[in-house]
């Protein structure tokens, strides 16, 4: 892929912002299953051609990643400057603050982070995530049903809280379990943030799952432990898996490093998910044979698999989420061959997401240390608009039902005034309320549904 020309920084950035809501690809659905299951396996020559094309896609992405790597290895200062700049161009950088600013003081949703926003964006755009095919438990005196969820690599708990808020709209109670590394876990393990027990976690210690050795490292979860866990606590309607590894030093090796974690998360989900349940897992690229084999396993286990990159996911990284709907159950999984249909789906999906990613990385490379003050102000202005639109969307979908709000936000109007008064502005002063972000704590208390 040739470098994209960015003659007009403003229009180029607007084009990238327009794409934020378009990053979804249906890998398999119920309509595909005849092609998926009855498809003929590719010949060795055809498979070799397929993997050659996937390798070309990998090289396209790695070429751009290596350009970034060569830019930042000159010293820690260069790396920090790059991180600061990509944070600046991240369109949803201030969305959590936007949401907090809409709430009355003292009534803010705690743990309002990018992870919290990502889950909300996925859930409100895909409501079937919250409606598993299996029957919910109806064990409440008032008739309210209970949904059971299990969250892997979850600390500090943003997905749990976001799910809880989503379900409050549906009059569904959440019964959750959560896994992450314990505070005693060795620092060499980077796939989740360690938990330091404070009062919030002590109040919910029975919900924490640290595995057979107490470390919280899911790679140490044995079959015996999982079977006993299910026997003791039952199966779950929803499982989320949000593991990740910092690959800043080796950006082209991310897929290989993530493979054992993804494989283990699938194993846990297949053991703990009830028939009809839903699964949300974070993955990265899928160019290699081993990762593609895991995709075939997933696609044979669920009625539908969607690949999504929510708007709050940083556009220049490889992170995507697989939304897997309606688990067939362990005994009813289908054998999926690497047929012409399925390999074409995988190739088109991979190309779709890396094209979006490469465009954003190239924009960052082109504009790094080159933006004028007026161009920076223009980018801030565009970010302000899309963040306000997204904040209002989530507010009306979720927050307006749970929290007491002041009149509609005056943020956009205030920002226009600020820009008109100071065209040399370099930062987003209207959303600089850092103290709220610094003080966010996990809040997993019961949500009271408002009385009509």
Protein backbone atom coordinates (compact mmCIF):
# COMPACT_ATOMS: atom_id res chain seq x y z
CA UNK A 1 0.00 0.00 0.00
CA UNK A 2 1.38 3.41 -0.98
CA UNK A 3 1.41 6.18 1.59
CA UNK A 4 -1.79 8.19 1.66
CA UNK A 5 -1.39 11.86 0.75
CA UNK A 6 -2.62 14.24 3.42
CA UNK A 7 -2.69 17.53 1.54
CA UNK A 8 -5.54 18.80 3.69
CA UNK A 9 -5.03 17.79 7.32
CA UNK A 10 -8.53 18.86 8.32
CA UNK A 11 -10.33 16.87 5.62
CA UNK A 12 -8.09 13.84 6.15
CA UNK A 13 -8.87 13.78 9.85
CA UNK A 14 -12.58 14.24 9.18
CA UNK A 15 -12.49 11.20 6.90
CA UNK A 16 -10.86 9.17 9.68
CA UNK A 17 -13.51 10.34 12.15
CA UNK A 18 -16.30 9.38 9.77
CA UNK A 19 -14.95 5.82 9.78
CA UNK A 20 -15.19 5.43 13.56
CA UNK A 21 -18.76 4.11 13.33
CA UNK A 22 -18.04 1.80 10.38
CA UNK A 23 -15.57 -0.65 11.87
CA UNK A 24 -17.59 -3.83 11.92
CA UNK A 25 -17.46 -7.03 9.89
CA UNK A 26 -19.71 -10.11 10.10
CA UNK A 27 -17.38 -13.07 10.00
CA UNK A 28 -20.12 -15.71 10.15
CA UNK A 29 -23.89 -15.66 10.67
CA UNK A 30 -26.75 -18.14 10.57
CA UNK A 31 -27.13 -17.50 6.83
CA UNK A 32 -23.53 -18.58 6.28
CA UNK A 33 -23.71 -21.94 7.99
CA UNK A 34 -24.42 -24.10 4.99
CA UNK A 35 -21.37 -22.63 3.22
CA UNK A 36 -19.37 -22.78 6.43
CA UNK A 37 -20.03 -26.39 7.41
CA UNK A 38 -20.46 -27.98 3.98
CA UNK A 39 -17.65 -26.07 2.31
CA UNK A 40 -14.88 -28.15 0.79
CA UNK A 41 -11.41 -27.88 2.32
CA UNK A 42 -8.96 -26.00 0.14
CA UNK A 43 -6.24 -27.99 -1.57
CA UNK A 44 -2.68 -27.59 -0.33
CA UNK A 45 -1.88 -25.28 -3.24
CA UNK A 46 -4.96 -23.16 -2.53
CA UNK A 47 -4.10 -23.01 1.18
CA UNK A 48 -0.54 -21.97 0.38
CA UNK A 49 -1.90 -19.17 -1.81
CA UNK A 50 -4.24 -18.08 0.97
CA UNK A 51 -1.45 -17.91 3.56
CA UNK A 52 0.76 -16.06 1.07
CA UNK A 53 -1.93 -13.39 0.72
CA UNK A 54 -2.32 -13.20 4.50
CA UNK A 55 1.44 -12.82 4.82
CA UNK A 56 1.34 -9.90 2.38
CA UNK A 57 -1.27 -8.22 4.57
CA UNK A 58 0.93 -8.80 7.61
CA UNK A 59 3.91 -7.26 5.82
CA UNK A 60 1.84 -4.21 4.84
CA UNK A 61 0.92 -3.59 8.47
CA UNK A 62 4.37 -4.40 9.83
CA UNK A 63 6.03 -2.00 7.40
CA UNK A 64 4.02 0.84 8.91
CA UNK A 65 4.59 -0.39 12.47
CA UNK A 66 8.34 -0.54 11.85
CA UNK A 67 8.29 3.05 10.63
CA UNK A 68 6.82 4.00 13.98
CA UNK A 69 9.30 1.78 15.83
CA UNK A 70 12.28 3.36 14.06
CA UNK A 71 10.90 6.76 14.98
CA UNK A 72 10.60 6.08 18.71
CA UNK A 73 13.69 3.93 19.44
CA UNK A 74 15.93 7.00 19.30
CA UNK A 75 15.25 7.54 23.00
CA UNK A 76 12.66 7.62 25.77
CA UNK A 77 11.87 11.24 24.93
CA UNK A 78 10.91 10.28 21.37
CA UNK A 79 8.67 7.48 22.63
CA UNK A 80 6.91 9.77 25.09
CA UNK A 81 6.43 12.42 22.42
CA UNK A 82 4.89 9.85 20.07
CA UNK A 83 2.59 8.48 22.76
CA UNK A 84 1.51 11.98 23.67
CA UNK A 85 0.80 12.81 20.04
CA UNK A 86 -1.19 9.63 19.31
CA UNK A 87 -3.15 10.30 22.48
CA UNK A 88 -3.86 13.79 21.13
CA UNK A 89 -5.14 12.44 17.78
CA UNK A 90 -7.24 9.71 19.45
CA UNK A 91 -10.79 10.91 18.61
CA UNK A 92 -12.39 9.57 21.80
CA UNK A 93 -9.59 10.50 24.17
CA UNK A 94 -11.81 12.69 26.34
CA UNK A 95 -15.07 10.75 26.07
CA UNK A 96 -14.91 9.48 29.68
CA UNK A 97 -14.50 13.06 30.89
CA UNK A 98 -17.35 14.18 28.65
CA UNK A 99 -19.65 11.67 30.32
CA UNK A 100 -18.54 12.72 33.79
CA UNK A 101 -19.16 16.38 33.01
CA UNK A 102 -22.77 15.59 32.12
CA UNK A 103 -23.50 14.25 35.60
CA UNK A 104 -24.37 16.18 38.69
CA UNK A 105 -21.50 16.53 41.11
CA UNK A 106 -21.34 13.50 43.37
CA UNK A 107 -23.48 11.35 41.04
CA UNK A 108 -20.86 10.49 38.44
CA UNK A 109 -20.61 6.87 37.23
CA UNK A 110 -17.44 5.66 38.88
CA UNK A 111 -14.74 3.90 36.85
CA UNK A 112 -15.68 5.89 33.75
CA UNK A 113 -12.72 4.82 31.59
CA UNK A 114 -12.06 4.00 27.94
CA UNK A 115 -12.80 0.32 28.70
CA UNK A 116 -16.13 1.33 30.24
CA UNK A 117 -16.97 3.37 27.13
CA UNK A 118 -15.91 0.57 24.77
CA UNK A 119 -18.25 -1.91 26.42
CA UNK A 120 -21.15 0.57 26.34
CA UNK A 121 -20.53 1.23 22.64
CA UNK A 122 -20.50 -2.48 21.85
CA UNK A 123 -23.58 -3.21 23.96
CA UNK A 124 -25.83 -0.39 22.73
CA UNK A 125 -24.91 -1.13 19.10
CA UNK A 126 -25.38 -4.88 19.56
CA UNK A 127 -28.23 -5.32 22.07
CA UNK A 128 -28.26 -9.07 21.44
CA UNK A 129 -25.14 -9.25 23.64
CA UNK A 130 -27.42 -8.57 26.60
CA UNK A 131 -30.07 -11.06 25.43
CA UNK A 132 -28.51 -14.53 25.56
CA UNK A 133 -30.44 -17.35 23.93
CA UNK A 134 -30.51 -19.31 27.18
CA UNK A 135 -33.21 -18.61 29.74
CA UNK A 136 -32.28 -16.20 32.51
CA UNK A 137 -32.77 -17.27 36.10
CA UNK A 138 -35.95 -15.94 37.73
CA UNK A 139 -35.09 -16.25 41.40
CA UNK A 140 -36.09 -12.79 42.61
CA UNK A 141 -39.27 -12.25 44.68
CA UNK A 142 -40.23 -9.29 42.50
CA UNK A 143 -39.89 -11.31 39.30
CA UNK A 144 -36.69 -9.61 38.14
CA UNK A 145 -34.49 -12.02 36.23
CA UNK A 146 -30.80 -12.64 36.91
CA UNK A 147 -28.04 -12.74 34.32
CA UNK A 148 -24.79 -14.48 35.27
CA UNK A 149 -21.50 -13.16 33.89
CA UNK A 150 -17.81 -14.06 34.18
CA UNK A 151 -15.12 -11.53 33.30
CA UNK A 152 -11.56 -12.65 32.49
CA UNK A 153 -8.51 -10.38 32.83
CA UNK A 154 -10.91 -7.71 34.01
CA UNK A 155 -9.32 -5.49 36.70
CA UNK A 156 -10.24 -2.93 37.75
CA UNK A 157 -13.78 -3.83 36.65
CA UNK A 158 -14.96 -1.43 33.93
CA UNK A 159 -16.74 -4.13 31.90
CA UNK A 160 -18.55 -5.37 35.01
CA UNK A 161 -19.82 -1.91 35.86
CA UNK A 162 -20.78 -1.12 32.26
CA UNK A 163 -22.73 -4.38 31.98
CA UNK A 164 -24.45 -3.67 35.27
CA UNK A 165 -25.55 -0.25 34.05
CA UNK A 166 -26.80 -1.66 30.73
CA UNK A 167 -28.87 -4.33 32.47
CA UNK A 168 -30.50 -1.83 34.82
CA UNK A 169 -32.41 -0.50 31.81
CA UNK A 170 -33.78 -4.00 31.22
CA UNK A 171 -34.80 -4.74 34.83
CA UNK A 172 -32.23 -7.54 34.97
CA UNK A 173 -30.05 -8.21 37.99
CA UNK A 174 -26.39 -9.06 37.41
CA UNK A 175 -24.67 -11.90 39.27
CA UNK A 176 -20.99 -11.64 38.31
CA UNK A 177 -17.61 -13.25 38.83
CA UNK A 178 -14.36 -11.56 37.94
CA UNK A 179 -10.76 -12.67 37.33
CA UNK A 180 -7.51 -10.73 37.31
CA UNK A 181 -3.98 -11.05 38.60
CA UNK A 182 -3.65 -10.83 42.36
CA UNK A 183 -1.37 -8.27 43.98
CA UNK A 184 1.11 -11.04 44.74
CA UNK A 185 1.48 -11.97 41.08
CA UNK A 186 4.96 -11.64 39.57
CA UNK A 187 5.53 -8.44 37.57
CA UNK A 188 6.66 -10.48 34.57
CA UNK A 189 3.04 -11.30 33.83
CA UNK A 190 1.54 -8.38 31.92
CA UNK A 191 -1.82 -9.65 30.66
CA UNK A 192 -3.89 -7.93 33.32
CA UNK A 193 -3.51 -5.27 35.97
CA UNK A 194 -2.84 -6.75 39.44
CA UNK A 195 -5.48 -6.13 42.06
CA UNK A 196 -4.59 -4.47 45.34
CA UNK A 197 -7.42 -5.35 47.72
CA UNK A 198 -9.13 -2.26 49.12
CA UNK A 199 -12.52 -1.90 50.75
CA UNK A 200 -14.34 -2.13 47.41
CA UNK A 201 -12.76 -5.46 46.56
CA UNK A 202 -12.96 -6.80 50.10
CA UNK A 203 -16.71 -6.27 49.91
CA UNK A 204 -16.78 -8.45 46.79
CA UNK A 205 -13.95 -10.86 47.52
CA UNK A 206 -16.26 -13.86 47.06
CA UNK A 207 -16.75 -12.80 43.44
CA UNK A 208 -13.03 -12.81 42.62
CA UNK A 209 -11.56 -15.84 40.82
CA UNK A 210 -7.80 -16.25 41.23
CA UNK A 211 -7.42 -19.84 40.07
CA UNK A 212 -5.86 -22.93 41.65
CA UNK A 213 -2.62 -21.20 42.68
CA UNK A 214 -4.14 -17.91 43.81
CA UNK A 215 -2.14 -15.90 41.27
CA UNK A 216 -5.06 -14.98 39.03
CA UNK A 217 -3.01 -15.99 35.97
CA UNK A 218 -5.49 -17.71 33.64
CA UNK A 219 -2.68 -19.66 31.97
CA UNK A 220 -2.52 -21.65 35.21
CA UNK A 221 -6.22 -22.56 35.18
CA UNK A 222 -6.40 -26.35 34.89
CA UNK A 223 -9.26 -28.45 33.52
CA UNK A 224 -9.85 -29.79 37.02
CA UNK A 225 -10.14 -26.27 38.43
CA UNK A 226 -12.57 -25.17 35.71
CA UNK A 227 -14.76 -28.24 36.13
CA UNK A 228 -14.95 -27.69 39.89
CA UNK A 229 -15.59 -23.97 39.37
CA UNK A 230 -18.57 -24.74 37.11
CA UNK A 231 -19.82 -27.43 39.49
CA UNK A 232 -19.72 -24.96 42.40
CA UNK A 233 -21.05 -21.83 40.70
CA UNK A 234 -22.82 -22.98 37.54
CA UNK A 235 -22.41 -21.78 33.97
CA UNK A 236 -22.66 -18.21 32.72
CA UNK A 237 -24.83 -16.33 30.22
CA UNK A 238 -22.08 -13.86 29.25
CA UNK A 239 -18.30 -14.17 29.40
CA UNK A 240 -15.91 -11.35 28.53
CA UNK A 241 -12.16 -11.70 27.96
CA UNK A 242 -10.09 -8.52 27.75
CA UNK A 243 -6.49 -9.73 28.06
CA UNK A 244 -3.68 -7.81 26.42
CA UNK A 245 0.11 -7.70 26.43
CA UNK A 246 2.30 -4.63 26.04
CA UNK A 247 4.20 -5.20 22.79
CA UNK A 248 5.67 -1.71 22.40
CA UNK A 249 9.20 -3.12 22.16
CA UNK A 250 8.23 -5.82 19.65
CA UNK A 251 5.25 -4.50 17.68
CA UNK A 252 5.47 -7.04 14.85
CA UNK A 253 5.39 -9.97 17.29
CA UNK A 254 2.09 -9.10 18.96
CA UNK A 255 0.02 -11.89 17.40
CA UNK A 256 2.44 -14.65 18.40
CA UNK A 257 2.69 -13.35 21.96
CA UNK A 258 -1.08 -13.12 22.34
CA UNK A 259 -1.80 -16.60 20.98
CA UNK A 260 -1.51 -18.58 24.28
CA UNK A 261 -3.75 -16.08 26.07
CA UNK A 262 -6.43 -16.11 23.38
CA UNK A 263 -6.35 -19.90 23.26
CA UNK A 264 -6.75 -20.14 27.04
CA UNK A 265 -9.61 -17.64 27.11
CA UNK A 266 -11.44 -19.70 24.49
CA UNK A 267 -10.89 -22.84 26.52
CA UNK A 268 -12.30 -21.19 29.65
CA UNK A 269 -15.28 -19.77 27.76
CA UNK A 270 -16.18 -23.12 26.19
CA UNK A 271 -16.07 -24.77 29.61
CA UNK A 272 -17.99 -22.08 31.52
CA UNK A 273 -20.51 -20.69 29.01
CA UNK A 274 -24.04 -22.05 29.02
CA UNK A 275 -25.77 -23.12 25.83
CA UNK A 276 -27.17 -20.00 24.16
CA UNK A 277 -24.67 -17.78 25.97
CA UNK A 278 -22.63 -14.93 24.47
CA UNK A 279 -18.88 -14.32 24.48
CA UNK A 280 -16.90 -11.09 23.96
CA UNK A 281 -13.15 -11.44 23.47
CA UNK A 282 -10.41 -8.99 22.55
CA UNK A 283 -7.99 -10.15 19.88
CA UNK A 284 -5.48 -8.44 17.64
CA UNK A 285 -4.31 -9.53 14.19
CA UNK A 286 -5.05 -12.99 12.73
CA UNK A 287 -2.55 -13.58 9.95
CA UNK A 288 -0.94 -16.78 11.25
CA UNK A 289 -2.21 -20.33 10.84
CA UNK A 290 -2.49 -20.91 14.62
CA UNK A 291 -4.69 -17.85 15.15
CA UNK A 292 -6.84 -18.69 12.13
CA UNK A 293 -7.38 -22.18 13.55
CA UNK A 294 -8.71 -20.57 16.73
CA UNK A 295 -11.10 -18.50 14.60
CA UNK A 296 -12.42 -21.66 12.93
CA UNK A 297 -13.01 -23.13 16.37
CA UNK A 298 -14.92 -20.02 17.47
CA UNK A 299 -16.99 -19.86 14.30
CA UNK A 300 -18.00 -23.50 14.72
CA UNK A 301 -19.17 -22.87 18.27
CA UNK A 302 -21.46 -19.83 17.83
CA UNK A 303 -24.36 -18.94 15.57
CA UNK A 304 -22.86 -15.55 14.75
CA UNK A 305 -19.41 -13.97 15.08
CA UNK A 306 -18.95 -10.23 14.56
CA UNK A 307 -15.59 -8.44 14.43
CA UNK A 308 -15.84 -4.97 15.96
CA UNK A 309 -13.60 -2.03 16.75
CA UNK A 310 -15.59 0.32 18.99
CA UNK A 311 -15.01 4.08 18.51
CA UNK A 312 -13.20 4.38 21.85
CA UNK A 313 -10.59 1.83 20.78
CA UNK A 314 -7.43 3.69 19.75
CA UNK A 315 -7.57 3.72 15.92
CA UNK A 316 -3.86 3.11 15.37
CA UNK A 317 -3.67 -0.15 17.31
CA UNK A 318 -4.63 -3.68 16.25
CA UNK A 319 -7.22 -4.24 18.96
CA UNK A 320 -10.56 -5.62 17.81
CA UNK A 321 -13.33 -7.48 19.62
CA UNK A 322 -15.06 -10.67 18.56
CA UNK A 323 -18.71 -10.66 19.57
CA UNK A 324 -19.84 -14.29 19.59
CA UNK A 325 -23.60 -14.82 19.82
CA UNK A 326 -25.55 -17.97 20.81
CA UNK A 327 -23.13 -20.67 21.98
CA UNK A 328 -24.08 -24.10 20.61
CA UNK A 329 -22.77 -25.94 23.66
CA UNK A 330 -19.72 -28.16 23.98
CA UNK A 331 -21.38 -31.20 22.45
CA UNK A 332 -22.90 -29.41 19.43
CA UNK A 333 -19.98 -27.47 18.01
CA UNK A 334 -19.59 -27.74 14.25
CA UNK A 335 -16.47 -28.63 12.32
CA UNK A 336 -15.50 -25.67 10.14
CA UNK A 337 -13.23 -26.37 7.21
CA UNK A 338 -10.82 -23.86 5.70
CA UNK A 339 -13.01 -23.64 2.63
CA UNK A 340 -12.96 -21.05 -0.13
CA UNK A 341 -15.87 -19.23 1.51
CA UNK A 342 -14.36 -19.15 5.00
CA UNK A 343 -10.84 -18.17 3.95
CA UNK A 344 -12.31 -15.40 1.82
CA UNK A 345 -14.21 -14.11 4.86
CA UNK A 346 -11.06 -14.15 6.98
CA UNK A 347 -8.98 -12.41 4.32
CA UNK A 348 -11.58 -9.69 3.69
CA UNK A 349 -12.02 -9.13 7.42
CA UNK A 350 -8.27 -8.82 8.02
CA UNK A 351 -7.87 -6.46 5.08
CA UNK A 352 -10.81 -4.35 6.24
CA UNK A 353 -9.37 -3.70 9.70
CA UNK A 354 -5.72 -3.23 8.76
CA UNK A 355 -6.68 -0.71 6.05
CA UNK A 356 -8.41 1.37 8.72
CA UNK A 357 -5.44 0.96 11.06
CA UNK A 358 -2.81 1.80 8.45
CA UNK A 359 -4.65 4.95 7.36
CA UNK A 360 -4.65 6.27 10.92
CA UNK A 361 -1.01 5.37 11.58
CA UNK A 362 0.00 7.05 8.34
CA UNK A 363 -1.93 10.16 9.33
CA UNK A 364 -0.05 10.22 12.65
CA UNK A 365 3.29 9.72 10.91
CA UNK A 366 2.54 12.46 8.41
CA UNK A 367 1.46 15.02 11.02
CA UNK A 368 3.81 14.16 13.91
CA UNK A 369 5.70 17.34 14.91
CA UNK A 370 4.32 19.11 11.83
CA UNK A 371 0.95 20.49 12.89
CA UNK A 372 0.55 24.23 13.02
CA UNK A 373 -1.34 25.82 15.89
CA UNK A 374 -4.37 26.39 13.68
CA UNK A 375 -4.31 22.74 12.52
CA UNK A 376 -4.13 21.52 16.12
CA UNK A 377 -7.05 23.75 17.03
CA UNK A 378 -9.03 22.41 14.07
CA UNK A 379 -8.39 18.80 15.11
CA UNK A 380 -9.47 19.63 18.65
CA UNK A 381 -12.63 21.21 17.27
CA UNK A 382 -13.47 18.08 15.24
CA UNK A 383 -12.78 15.81 18.21
CA UNK A 384 -15.03 17.97 20.34
CA UNK A 385 -17.93 17.42 17.95
CA UNK A 386 -17.62 13.63 17.65
CA UNK A 387 -17.09 13.22 21.39
CA UNK A 388 -20.17 15.31 22.13
CA UNK A 389 -22.25 13.26 19.69
CA UNK A 390 -21.04 10.00 21.23
CA UNK A 391 -21.48 11.27 24.79
CA UNK A 392 -25.07 12.30 24.06
CA UNK A 393 -25.74 8.95 22.38
CA UNK A 394 -24.49 6.97 25.40
CA UNK A 395 -26.14 9.38 27.80
CA UNK A 396 -29.60 8.89 26.31
CA UNK A 397 -29.12 5.14 25.91
CA UNK A 398 -27.71 4.37 29.35
CA UNK A 399 -26.96 7.18 31.76
CA UNK A 400 -30.18 9.15 31.54
CA UNK A 401 -32.00 6.22 33.09
CA UNK A 402 -29.55 5.62 35.91
CA UNK A 403 -28.40 9.03 37.02
CA UNK A 404 -29.83 12.47 37.66
CA UNK A 405 -28.60 14.93 35.05
CA UNK A 406 -28.52 18.70 34.65
CA UNK A 407 -29.94 20.21 31.43
CA UNK A 408 -28.29 19.12 28.15
CA UNK A 409 -24.59 19.77 27.96
CA UNK A 410 -23.41 23.24 26.96
CA UNK A 411 -19.99 21.80 26.14
CA UNK A 412 -20.12 22.36 22.38
CA UNK A 413 -21.34 25.95 22.73
CA UNK A 414 -18.64 26.69 25.31
CA UNK A 415 -15.99 25.16 23.09
CA UNK A 416 -16.99 27.30 20.08
CA UNK A 417 -16.73 30.40 22.26
CA UNK A 418 -13.34 29.30 23.56
CA UNK A 419 -11.98 28.72 20.04
CA UNK A 420 -13.32 32.03 18.75
CA UNK A 421 -11.71 33.89 21.65
CA UNK A 422 -8.37 32.14 21.36
CA UNK A 423 -7.39 30.71 17.99
CA UNK A 424 -3.99 29.81 19.40
CA UNK A 425 -5.42 27.30 21.86
CA UNK A 426 -3.39 24.10 21.98
CA UNK A 427 -5.32 22.07 24.52
CA UNK A 428 -8.88 21.07 25.28
CA UNK A 429 -9.47 23.24 28.34
CA UNK A 430 -13.20 22.60 28.39
CA UNK A 431 -12.62 18.99 29.44
CA UNK A 432 -9.66 19.37 31.77
CA UNK A 433 -11.36 18.09 34.90
CA UNK A 434 -8.58 15.65 35.80
CA UNK A 435 -9.51 15.36 39.45
CA UNK A 436 -12.58 13.24 38.70
CA UNK A 437 -10.55 10.83 36.60
CA UNK A 438 -7.79 10.57 39.19
CA UNK A 439 -10.28 9.67 41.90
CA UNK A 440 -12.34 7.03 40.09
CA UNK A 441 -12.86 3.93 42.18
CA UNK A 442 -14.63 0.66 41.53
CA UNK A 443 -18.32 0.90 42.42
CA UNK A 444 -20.12 -2.42 42.28
CA UNK A 445 -22.99 -1.68 44.64
CA UNK A 446 -26.51 -2.64 43.68
CA UNK A 447 -28.23 -0.25 41.28
CA UNK A 448 -31.75 0.68 42.29
CA UNK A 449 -34.10 0.83 39.32
CA UNK A 450 -35.98 4.15 39.33
CA UNK A 451 -39.63 3.88 40.30
CA UNK A 452 -42.16 4.95 37.67
